[in-house]
Structures are given as C-alpha cells and as structure tokens.
Amino acid sequence: MLVIATSIFSLLFSTALLLLGIGLQGSLLGLRAVQEQFAVDVIGYVMSAYFAGFALGTYLCPPIIRRVGHIRAYAAMAATASSAAICHAIWIEPITWAVLRIVTGASMVGLYMVIESWLNTLATNRSRGQFFSAYMIITFLAMAAAQFLLLAADVADFRLFALTSVLLAMALVPIALTRITQPTLIEAPRLQLVTLYRDSPLGVVGTLASGLIMGAFWGMMSVYSRQLGLETIEVAQLMSATILGGALLQWPIGKISDLMDRRIVLGFTALAGALLAWFSIHSAELSNGGFYLVHFCYGGFAFAVYSLSVAHVNDRLQPGQSLEASRNLLQLYGIGAVIGPPLVGTMMERLSPAAFPMFLAATLVMLALFTLYRISVKEPAPAETHEPFIPVMRTSPVAFEMDPRVEPEQSAPPPSVTDGS
C-alpha cells in the first residue's frame, strides 16, 4: 500500500512538472512572438501547430509505447519535448517554431498517455473517481501556477526557455524511478463521429465549439493581452484568473446540470460565456479587481462547455459506450483547437485585437442557438439516465479510463507493483 501511495504521488508530481513546463511555454511563446513582431495571423498558425501535433500524437504514440515499453517511450518523449523547448530560443522563426510546436504536441500526448496508463493500473473500481478528480485538480492548478513563472525572467531572455526545458526534463525523474508494473497496452482511438452525432448532435457541436474557444484561449490569450498593453505580471494574473475560474466554477454549474435538463444548463452556460466575452472588451476600464473578475467568471463558463458536452453525450449512450465516445469527443475537441488559433489570429490581424473576444462570443452564441434548436425538437434525456457531471480538461484519451462514469469492465486492471518495468 505504501508503494502504491508513493507511486501515485510520483505520478501526480510528474504531471505537475509537465504542466508547469508546457503552461509556461504556451504563454511565453505568445508573448515572445509579439515582441519579435510576428504577424498575428502567423502567430495563430504557430500556436495551432501544438494542437495539430497533439492530435497526431494520439495515433503515433501508442505503437511506439507498445514497441519499446512505457518507461523508454516516456524517456524519449520527455527528452524530445525538453529539447524542442530550448530550440525555440535558438531558432526564432515562425516556420521553425511551428515544427517545434508539432513535435512538442505529439510528445506531450505520449507523456500524458504513459502517466494516465499507470494511474489506471493503480486505480481500483472504488478509487477511480478519486484518482480522476485528483488528476484534474493537479492539471488545473499547475496550468494556473505556470503563468506566474513568466515573472522568473524577462520574456526576451533565454532563461525562461531554459526553465521550460528543465521542467519537462525533470518530469522524467519520478517516472524513471517508478516501481509500478507495465500498464495495459494503449490503443489508438477510432474516430466515429457520424455515429456519435446521430446519438447526440448537441454533444458533438458543443465539443467542437469548446475546442474552438479553448484552442483560441490557450494559443492567443497571451497575444491578445499584450496587444491590450498589459505588462507580463498582468498577463500572468489574467491567464491564471481565467484558468482558476474554469477550475472552481465548473463544479456548481455541473451539479445544477445533474438536477435538470442538461441542455438548458449548457445553453445558459454558452450564453453567459458569450456575454462575458463581449463585456471583456470594455472590462479594461474597470478596476483591476473587476477586470480579473470578468475573466474569472468567463473561464468558469467557457471551461464548463466541454465537461457539459461530455456529460450530455454520456446521458444519451447505452452502457459500455462511454469510453469510446469520450475518446471520440477528445479528438473532435482537438480538431476545434487546431482551427481556433489561426482563425482568431487572422481576424485579429485583419480587424483589431477586439476580434479575439468577439470570436469567443460569436462561437458561444451559435452554440446557445443550436442548443435552443435541439431543445425544441428533441425530448430531454430521462432523469434516470443522467450520469454525474465531472469537470474534465483535455489531456489524452487514456484519462477517460479513470472516469467513474465508465463501466468497470472498460477500465484498467487491478494495481500491482514490481521492482522494475
């Protein structure tokens, strides 16, 4: 039991280091790209490349992990991500950065897969919910804390890139020392969106909309903040406030959705997010507290769209279908995340920085209207089929095996430990 507890801590600690590094890198690249005077639409494509690599990695990484084993694959991917991080400071050029972002995204999804596979190995049917919650909490908190690492040095300095590289490399240490047995082999996802859309059109559209707005947020929020004239510490505070809003407000929103027609809550959440995104254009005129509060609340509603969409799909499925459906939704989210940054970057370049929040608002309004349409033509899912809402954040398809909504026979095998892997 002590070995298992130590292993869980090691895995979560490794996750925190990874997310501190990748969270710092995302904001750093946006700020540095503005300083290097990259065109905003070009920045959008560069930032989008990470999500393209992430999607590609979900298909490339499982065969690699099966061939060489989890620890060796993890070591190779951590070294690759760490090397790519430092290369951004050596070759400051958009095409090179885009290639490095693809490499980083593909490496990161492989790293997530290995960690999540081991967590699944340790989790019992009774503890899967606790493991999943702990993993998601660490994910949110690490991404929020990563923003303040921007203050460790000047954005123009080499040291922030070096810090990113160190964090990604150090995430290898807890995994290299693990005593957990080799996890279950990882399978590449099978994309079946037509079937999923037939079962839950709103869930599919909501997931795509979430990918669009969250891809734009992760890729372009720091760029937008800099164009507003914010200092680095203000950018860090703004990013962190939005992420923490997403972490804290999802739970009450989700619990309300468990008690009523979830589509109504999803539609209200999308509309509220749209209004807050539109209002954020003028929120810079508020006091500092009011400015950050607007974005905190926006984060709460915007982050909840993906979780609500996944929960709504699960309400419509037959037992045993939830794991494959969740994996498909994750891929769809990734498609939206690839499209979001270059689309909003082009709008900002052609129009003005205000195109960023207007894009978020327009996307959420269209989702709210589609939700209203679905409510008008389809009866709500029976209350007895409601699956409990669980806040989720995009990592890899393997994470959903810990989701307590997944049928026990679909999840990981019982835990065991060994002296090596």
Protein backbone atom coordinates (compact mmCIF):
# COMPACT_ATOMS: atom_id res chain seq x y z
CA MET A 1 0.00 0.00 0.00
CA LEU A 2 2.86 2.38 0.84
CA VAL A 3 4.44 1.67 -2.55
CA ILE A 4 1.15 2.41 -4.30
CA ALA A 5 0.68 5.67 -2.35
CA THR A 6 4.24 6.71 -3.18
CA SER A 7 3.68 5.84 -6.83
CA ILE A 8 0.53 7.95 -7.03
CA PHE A 9 2.38 10.91 -5.55
CA SER A 10 5.23 10.42 -8.02
CA LEU A 11 2.87 10.28 -10.99
CA LEU A 12 0.97 13.38 -9.91
CA PHE A 13 4.23 15.20 -9.21
CA SER A 14 5.48 14.31 -12.68
CA THR A 15 2.19 15.59 -14.12
CA ALA A 16 2.59 18.88 -12.25
CA LEU A 17 6.11 19.36 -13.61
CA LEU A 18 4.96 18.64 -17.16
CA LEU A 19 2.09 21.10 -16.94
CA LEU A 20 4.21 23.78 -15.31
CA GLY A 21 6.59 23.50 -18.24
CA ILE A 22 4.02 23.35 -21.02
CA GLY A 23 1.84 26.04 -19.39
CA LEU A 24 4.81 28.38 -19.20
CA GLN A 25 5.83 27.60 -22.77
CA GLY A 26 2.44 28.39 -24.28
CA SER A 27 2.19 31.86 -22.77
CA LEU A 28 5.89 32.57 -23.26
CA LEU A 29 5.78 31.82 -26.97
CA GLY A 30 2.80 34.11 -27.49
CA LEU A 31 4.49 37.00 -25.68
CA ARG A 32 7.83 36.43 -27.38
CA ALA A 33 6.21 36.18 -30.81
CA VAL A 34 4.61 39.59 -30.29
CA GLN A 35 7.96 41.01 -29.20
CA GLU A 36 9.63 39.54 -32.29
CA GLN A 37 6.89 41.23 -34.37
CA PHE A 38 5.45 38.10 -35.91
CA ALA A 39 2.19 38.89 -37.71
CA VAL A 40 -0.77 37.98 -35.52
CA ASP A 41 -2.23 35.58 -38.09
CA VAL A 42 1.16 33.87 -38.32
CA ILE A 43 1.22 33.54 -34.52
CA GLY A 44 -2.16 31.84 -34.75
CA TYR A 45 -0.80 29.18 -37.09
CA VAL A 46 2.30 28.69 -34.94
CA MET A 47 0.24 28.21 -31.79
CA SER A 48 -2.21 25.95 -33.61
CA ALA A 49 0.62 23.60 -34.57
CA TYR A 50 0.80 22.32 -30.97
CA PHE A 51 -2.77 21.06 -31.15
CA ALA A 52 -2.12 19.50 -34.57
CA GLY A 53 0.85 17.67 -33.08
CA PHE A 54 -1.26 16.64 -30.11
CA ALA A 55 -3.90 15.12 -32.38
CA LEU A 56 -1.24 13.41 -34.49
CA GLY A 57 0.39 12.00 -31.38
CA THR A 58 -2.75 10.17 -30.32
CA TYR A 59 -2.19 7.90 -33.34
CA LEU A 60 1.63 7.82 -33.44
CA CYS A 61 2.42 7.33 -29.75
CA PRO A 62 0.51 4.10 -28.94
CA PRO A 63 2.55 1.97 -31.43
CA ILE A 64 5.79 3.49 -30.08
CA ILE A 65 4.79 2.73 -26.48
CA ARG A 66 3.81 -0.83 -27.38
CA ARG A 67 7.10 -1.40 -29.19
CA VAL A 68 9.62 -0.06 -26.64
CA GLY A 69 7.66 -0.02 -23.38
CA HIS A 70 6.24 2.76 -21.25
CA ILE A 71 9.40 3.93 -19.46
CA ARG A 72 11.60 4.04 -22.56
CA ALA A 73 8.87 5.78 -24.54
CA TYR A 74 8.36 8.29 -21.74
CA ALA A 75 12.10 9.00 -21.56
CA ALA A 76 12.33 9.54 -25.32
CA MET A 77 9.29 11.83 -25.42
CA ALA A 78 10.37 13.86 -22.38
CA ALA A 79 13.81 14.35 -23.90
CA THR A 80 12.25 15.36 -27.21
CA ALA A 81 9.85 17.86 -25.60
CA SER A 82 12.65 19.29 -23.46
CA SER A 83 14.95 19.68 -26.47
CA ALA A 84 12.20 21.30 -28.54
CA ALA A 85 11.58 23.81 -25.74
CA ILE A 86 15.16 25.05 -25.75
CA CYS A 87 15.31 25.08 -29.57
CA HIS A 88 12.64 27.81 -29.60
CA ALA A 89 15.24 30.17 -28.14
CA ILE A 90 17.92 29.14 -30.64
CA TRP A 91 15.90 29.47 -33.85
CA ILE A 92 13.40 32.32 -33.56
CA GLU A 93 11.48 31.94 -36.79
CA PRO A 94 7.79 31.14 -37.38
CA ILE A 95 8.14 28.02 -39.54
CA THR A 96 10.74 26.52 -37.20
CA TRP A 97 8.55 27.31 -34.21
CA ALA A 98 5.56 25.67 -35.90
CA VAL A 99 7.55 22.47 -36.49
CA LEU A 100 8.77 22.52 -32.90
CA ARG A 101 5.20 23.01 -31.70
CA ILE A 102 4.07 19.94 -33.66
CA VAL A 103 6.89 17.92 -32.12
CA THR A 104 6.03 19.22 -28.65
CA GLY A 105 2.33 18.44 -29.02
CA ALA A 106 2.97 14.89 -30.22
CA SER A 107 5.47 14.31 -27.40
CA MET A 108 3.13 15.70 -24.74
CA VAL A 109 0.23 13.44 -25.63
CA GLY A 110 2.57 10.47 -25.37
CA LEU A 111 3.73 11.63 -21.94
CA TYR A 112 0.13 12.02 -20.79
CA MET A 113 -0.68 8.53 -22.07
CA VAL A 114 2.09 6.92 -20.06
CA ILE A 115 1.19 8.72 -16.82
CA GLU A 116 -2.51 8.05 -17.23
CA SER A 117 -1.86 4.39 -18.04
CA TRP A 118 0.00 3.98 -14.76
CA LEU A 119 -2.71 5.79 -12.83
CA ASN A 120 -5.23 3.42 -14.39
CA THR A 121 -3.07 0.48 -13.31
CA LEU A 122 -3.15 1.70 -9.71
CA ALA A 123 -6.84 2.59 -9.63
CA THR A 124 -9.44 0.16 -8.37
CA ASN A 125 -13.11 0.48 -9.32
CA ARG A 126 -13.73 2.17 -5.97
CA SER A 127 -10.85 4.65 -6.26
CA ARG A 128 -11.11 5.60 -9.96
CA GLY A 129 -13.23 8.67 -9.21
CA GLN A 130 -10.79 9.92 -6.60
CA PHE A 131 -7.83 9.38 -8.92
CA PHE A 132 -9.61 11.15 -11.77
CA SER A 133 -10.54 14.12 -9.56
CA ALA A 134 -7.00 14.42 -8.15
CA TYR A 135 -5.54 14.26 -11.65
CA MET A 136 -7.85 17.00 -12.94
CA ILE A 137 -7.20 19.22 -9.90
CA ILE A 138 -3.45 18.93 -10.42
CA THR A 139 -3.95 19.74 -14.11
CA PHE A 140 -5.90 22.94 -13.44
CA LEU A 141 -3.69 24.16 -10.59
CA ALA A 142 -0.41 23.50 -12.41
CA MET A 143 -1.59 25.32 -15.54
CA ALA A 144 -2.68 28.30 -13.43
CA ALA A 145 0.57 28.37 -11.43
CA ALA A 146 2.65 28.07 -14.60
CA GLN A 147 1.59 31.56 -15.68
CA PHE A 148 3.48 33.14 -12.81
CA LEU A 149 6.72 31.52 -13.93
CA LEU A 150 6.71 34.20 -16.63
CA LEU A 151 7.94 36.53 -13.87
CA ALA A 152 11.12 34.50 -13.32
CA ALA A 153 12.95 36.38 -16.09
CA ASP A 154 12.37 38.79 -18.95
CA VAL A 155 10.39 37.39 -21.88
CA ALA A 156 13.25 38.35 -24.18
CA ASP A 157 15.68 36.36 -22.07
CA PHE A 158 16.93 32.84 -22.79
CA ARG A 159 16.27 31.75 -19.20
CA LEU A 160 12.51 31.22 -19.50
CA PHE A 161 13.03 28.81 -22.38
CA ALA A 162 15.69 27.07 -20.32
CA LEU A 163 13.30 26.85 -17.36
CA THR A 164 10.67 25.24 -19.58
CA SER A 165 13.22 22.72 -20.79
CA VAL A 166 14.33 21.91 -17.23
CA LEU A 167 10.76 21.36 -16.01
CA LEU A 168 9.96 19.00 -18.89
CA ALA A 169 13.20 17.08 -18.34
CA MET A 170 12.71 16.82 -14.57
CA ALA A 171 9.26 15.32 -15.12
CA LEU A 172 11.12 12.22 -16.29
CA VAL A 173 12.70 11.56 -12.89
CA PRO A 174 9.61 10.34 -10.95
CA ILE A 175 8.63 8.07 -13.84
CA ALA A 176 12.13 6.65 -14.31
CA LEU A 177 12.17 5.63 -10.64
CA THR A 178 8.69 4.10 -10.57
CA ARG A 179 8.20 0.53 -9.39
CA ILE A 180 4.77 0.09 -10.96
CA THR A 181 4.34 -2.83 -13.31
CA GLN A 182 3.96 -2.28 -17.05
CA PRO A 183 0.45 -0.88 -17.70
CA THR A 184 -2.10 -2.19 -20.16
CA LEU A 185 -1.16 -1.60 -23.79
CA ILE A 186 -2.54 1.61 -25.27
CA GLU A 187 -4.76 1.52 -28.34
CA ALA A 188 -5.08 4.32 -30.87
CA PRO A 189 -8.55 5.90 -30.91
CA ARG A 190 -11.11 5.08 -33.59
CA LEU A 191 -12.90 8.18 -34.83
CA GLN A 192 -16.63 7.52 -35.36
CA LEU A 193 -18.13 11.00 -35.40
CA VAL A 194 -21.07 10.16 -37.67
CA THR A 195 -22.39 7.59 -35.20
CA LEU A 196 -21.73 9.90 -32.27
CA TYR A 197 -23.52 12.80 -33.97
CA ARG A 198 -26.53 10.61 -34.59
CA ASP A 199 -26.70 9.76 -30.89
CA SER A 200 -26.04 13.29 -29.60
CA PRO A 201 -25.83 16.19 -32.09
CA LEU A 202 -25.62 18.78 -29.31
CA GLY A 203 -22.81 16.97 -27.54
CA VAL A 204 -20.78 16.85 -30.74
CA VAL A 205 -21.40 20.51 -31.63
CA GLY A 206 -20.72 21.59 -28.05
CA THR A 207 -17.41 19.73 -28.02
CA LEU A 208 -16.34 21.29 -31.32
CA ALA A 209 -17.30 24.77 -30.07
CA SER A 210 -15.33 24.15 -26.89
CA GLY A 211 -12.30 23.16 -28.92
CA LEU A 212 -12.56 26.35 -30.96
CA ILE A 213 -12.74 28.70 -27.98
CA MET A 214 -10.28 26.83 -25.78
CA GLY A 215 -7.76 26.45 -28.59
CA ALA A 216 -8.05 30.20 -29.15
CA PHE A 217 -7.64 30.82 -25.42
CA TRP A 218 -4.55 28.66 -24.92
CA GLY A 219 -2.97 29.82 -28.15
CA MET A 220 -3.83 33.51 -28.39
CA MET A 221 -4.84 34.86 -24.98
CA SER A 222 -1.32 36.00 -24.13
CA VAL A 223 -1.04 37.66 -27.55
CA TYR A 224 -4.34 39.46 -27.04
CA SER A 225 -3.30 40.52 -23.54
CA ARG A 226 -0.06 42.01 -24.83
CA GLN A 227 -1.94 43.88 -27.55
CA LEU A 228 -4.08 45.40 -24.80
CA GLY A 229 -0.86 46.84 -23.36
CA LEU A 230 -0.70 44.57 -20.31
CA GLU A 231 2.60 44.00 -18.54
CA THR A 232 3.92 40.47 -18.08
CA ILE A 233 2.67 40.23 -14.49
CA GLU A 234 -0.78 41.34 -15.62
CA VAL A 235 -0.77 38.74 -18.40
CA ALA A 236 0.10 36.06 -15.82
CA GLN A 237 -2.66 37.24 -13.50
CA LEU A 238 -5.21 37.36 -16.30
CA MET A 239 -4.38 33.87 -17.59
CA SER A 240 -4.34 32.45 -14.08
CA ALA A 241 -7.65 34.08 -13.12
CA THR A 242 -9.35 32.59 -16.19
CA ILE A 243 -7.96 29.10 -15.54
CA LEU A 244 -8.90 29.20 -11.85
CA GLY A 245 -12.39 30.31 -12.80
CA GLY A 246 -12.58 27.26 -15.04
CA ALA A 247 -11.44 25.05 -12.17
CA LEU A 248 -13.73 26.44 -9.47
CA LEU A 249 -16.99 27.32 -11.22
CA GLN A 250 -17.37 24.11 -13.21
CA TRP A 251 -18.45 22.14 -10.15
CA PRO A 252 -21.54 24.20 -9.20
CA ILE A 253 -22.53 24.55 -12.86
CA GLY A 254 -22.22 20.81 -13.30
CA LYS A 255 -24.16 19.94 -10.16
CA ILE A 256 -27.05 22.12 -11.35
CA SER A 257 -26.98 20.27 -14.67
CA ASP A 258 -27.36 16.96 -12.82
CA LEU A 259 -30.71 18.14 -11.44
CA MET A 260 -32.41 19.31 -14.65
CA ASP A 261 -32.33 19.10 -18.43
CA ARG A 262 -28.59 19.41 -19.05
CA ARG A 263 -29.21 21.12 -22.40
CA ILE A 264 -30.76 24.11 -20.64
CA VAL A 265 -27.68 24.47 -18.46
CA LEU A 266 -25.39 24.08 -21.49
CA GLY A 267 -27.32 26.74 -23.40
CA PHE A 268 -27.28 29.13 -20.44
CA THR A 269 -23.56 28.48 -19.90
CA ALA A 270 -22.80 29.24 -23.55
CA LEU A 271 -24.90 32.42 -23.48
CA ALA A 272 -23.35 33.61 -20.20
CA GLY A 273 -19.87 32.93 -21.58
CA ALA A 274 -20.71 34.88 -24.73
CA LEU A 275 -21.95 37.88 -22.74
CA LEU A 276 -18.86 37.86 -20.54
CA ALA A 277 -16.57 37.58 -23.57
CA TRP A 278 -18.31 40.57 -25.15
CA PHE A 279 -18.22 42.51 -21.89
CA SER A 280 -14.50 41.80 -21.50
CA ILE A 281 -13.84 44.18 -24.40
CA HIS A 282 -14.86 47.04 -22.10
CA SER A 283 -13.72 45.48 -18.82
CA ALA A 284 -10.25 47.02 -19.08
CA GLU A 285 -11.91 50.25 -17.95
CA LEU A 286 -12.89 48.61 -14.65
CA SER A 287 -10.72 48.42 -11.57
CA ASN A 288 -8.09 45.66 -11.55
CA GLY A 289 -10.35 43.51 -9.40
CA GLY A 290 -13.31 43.93 -11.74
CA PHE A 291 -11.17 43.26 -14.81
CA TYR A 292 -9.90 39.95 -13.43
CA LEU A 293 -13.32 39.01 -12.04
CA VAL A 294 -14.87 39.24 -15.52
CA HIS A 295 -12.28 36.84 -16.90
CA PHE A 296 -12.54 34.57 -13.86
CA CYS A 297 -16.28 34.20 -14.50
CA TYR A 298 -15.75 33.79 -18.23
CA GLY A 299 -13.31 30.95 -17.53
CA GLY A 300 -15.88 29.24 -15.31
CA PHE A 301 -18.49 29.19 -18.08
CA ALA A 302 -16.13 28.58 -21.01
CA PHE A 303 -14.28 25.66 -19.43
CA ALA A 304 -17.60 24.07 -18.42
CA VAL A 305 -18.80 23.76 -22.05
CA TYR A 306 -16.58 20.73 -22.76
CA SER A 307 -17.47 18.97 -19.49
CA LEU A 308 -21.19 19.60 -20.03
CA SER A 309 -20.97 18.33 -23.59
CA VAL A 310 -19.25 15.10 -22.48
CA ALA A 311 -21.83 14.62 -19.72
CA HIS A 312 -24.70 15.23 -22.16
CA VAL A 313 -23.33 12.62 -24.57
CA ASN A 314 -22.97 10.12 -21.72
CA ASP A 315 -26.64 10.72 -20.84
CA ARG A 316 -27.62 9.56 -24.34
CA LEU A 317 -25.45 6.45 -24.57
CA GLN A 318 -26.02 2.82 -23.76
CA PRO A 319 -23.92 1.20 -21.00
CA GLY A 320 -20.46 0.29 -22.26
CA GLN A 321 -20.29 3.04 -24.90
CA SER A 322 -18.97 5.92 -22.78
CA LEU A 323 -15.23 5.25 -23.03
CA GLU A 324 -15.09 5.12 -26.82
CA ALA A 325 -17.44 8.11 -27.05
CA SER A 326 -15.26 10.17 -24.71
CA ARG A 327 -12.19 9.34 -26.80
CA ASN A 328 -14.01 10.45 -29.94
CA LEU A 329 -15.09 13.69 -28.29
CA LEU A 330 -11.49 14.35 -27.32
CA GLN A 331 -10.43 14.02 -30.94
CA LEU A 332 -13.21 16.36 -32.02
CA TYR A 333 -12.13 18.87 -29.39
CA GLY A 334 -8.64 18.65 -30.87
CA ILE A 335 -9.96 19.46 -34.34
CA GLY A 336 -11.58 22.60 -32.97
CA ALA A 337 -8.40 23.52 -31.08
CA VAL A 338 -6.39 23.28 -34.31
CA ILE A 339 -8.80 25.60 -36.15
CA GLY A 340 -9.31 28.17 -33.37
CA PRO A 341 -5.90 29.92 -33.10
CA PRO A 342 -5.27 30.60 -36.82
CA LEU A 343 -8.89 31.64 -37.33
CA VAL A 344 -8.87 34.15 -34.49
CA GLY A 345 -5.32 35.24 -35.36
CA THR A 346 -6.40 36.10 -38.90
CA MET A 347 -9.38 38.04 -37.55
CA MET A 348 -7.16 40.00 -35.15
CA GLU A 349 -4.68 40.79 -37.92
CA ARG A 350 -7.37 41.94 -40.37
CA LEU A 351 -9.66 43.71 -37.89
CA SER A 352 -8.40 44.55 -34.40
CA PRO A 353 -7.44 42.86 -31.11
CA ALA A 354 -11.13 43.06 -30.13
CA ALA A 355 -11.76 40.32 -32.71
CA PHE A 356 -10.46 37.83 -30.12
CA PRO A 357 -13.27 38.22 -27.56
CA MET A 358 -15.79 38.75 -30.36
CA PHE A 359 -14.79 35.39 -31.86
CA LEU A 360 -15.31 33.74 -28.47
CA ALA A 361 -18.67 35.46 -28.05
CA ALA A 362 -19.87 34.58 -31.56
CA THR A 363 -18.92 30.92 -31.20
CA LEU A 364 -20.72 30.62 -27.88
CA VAL A 365 -23.81 32.44 -29.18
CA MET A 366 -24.05 29.98 -32.09
CA LEU A 367 -23.78 27.11 -29.62
CA ALA A 368 -26.54 28.64 -27.48
CA LEU A 369 -28.79 28.98 -30.54
CA PHE A 370 -28.12 25.38 -31.60
CA THR A 371 -28.91 24.27 -28.05
CA LEU A 372 -32.23 26.10 -28.20
CA TYR A 373 -32.99 24.39 -31.51
CA ARG A 374 -32.21 20.93 -30.09
CA ILE A 375 -34.42 21.59 -27.07
CA SER A 376 -37.27 22.46 -29.43
CA VAL A 377 -37.03 19.28 -31.49
CA LYS A 378 -35.90 16.61 -29.02
CA GLU A 379 -37.20 15.45 -25.66
CA PRO A 380 -34.75 15.65 -22.75
CA ALA A 381 -32.90 12.53 -21.66
CA PRO A 382 -34.79 10.70 -18.87
CA ALA A 383 -33.62 11.75 -15.40
CA GLU A 384 -32.67 8.17 -14.53
CA THR A 385 -30.13 8.09 -17.40
CA HIS A 386 -28.26 11.16 -16.13
CA GLU A 387 -24.62 10.44 -15.48
CA PRO A 388 -22.98 12.60 -12.78
CA PHE A 389 -21.18 15.71 -14.02
CA ILE A 390 -17.39 15.58 -13.65
CA PRO A 391 -15.11 18.52 -14.56
CA VAL A 392 -12.65 17.43 -17.24
CA MET A 393 -9.74 19.04 -19.04
CA ARG A 394 -8.17 17.80 -22.22
CA THR A 395 -5.16 15.52 -21.74
CA SER A 396 -5.13 12.18 -23.59
CA PRO A 397 -7.76 9.53 -24.39
CA VAL A 398 -6.33 7.27 -21.68
CA ALA A 399 -7.53 9.63 -18.93
CA PHE A 400 -11.14 8.65 -19.54
CA GLU A 401 -10.41 5.12 -18.32
CA MET A 402 -10.29 6.67 -14.82
CA ASP A 403 -13.62 8.42 -15.35
CA PRO A 404 -16.04 6.84 -12.84
CA ARG A 405 -18.82 7.13 -15.44
CA VAL A 406 -17.06 4.45 -17.49
CA GLU A 407 -18.30 0.90 -16.93
CA PRO A 408 -15.90 -1.02 -14.61
CA GLU A 409 -15.14 -3.68 -17.22
CA GLN A 410 -13.90 -0.97 -19.58
CA SER A 411 -11.36 0.41 -17.15
CA ALA A 412 -7.88 -0.58 -16.12
CA PRO A 413 -6.82 -3.84 -14.46
CA PRO A 414 -6.12 -4.13 -10.73
CA PRO A 415 -2.99 -2.42 -9.38
CA SER A 416 0.32 -4.15 -8.87
CA VAL A 417 3.90 -3.12 -8.26
CA THR A 418 7.27 -4.53 -9.19
CA ASP A 419 10.94 -3.71 -8.91
CA GLY A 420 11.13 -2.62 -12.49
CA SER A 421 9.32 -2.31 -15.76
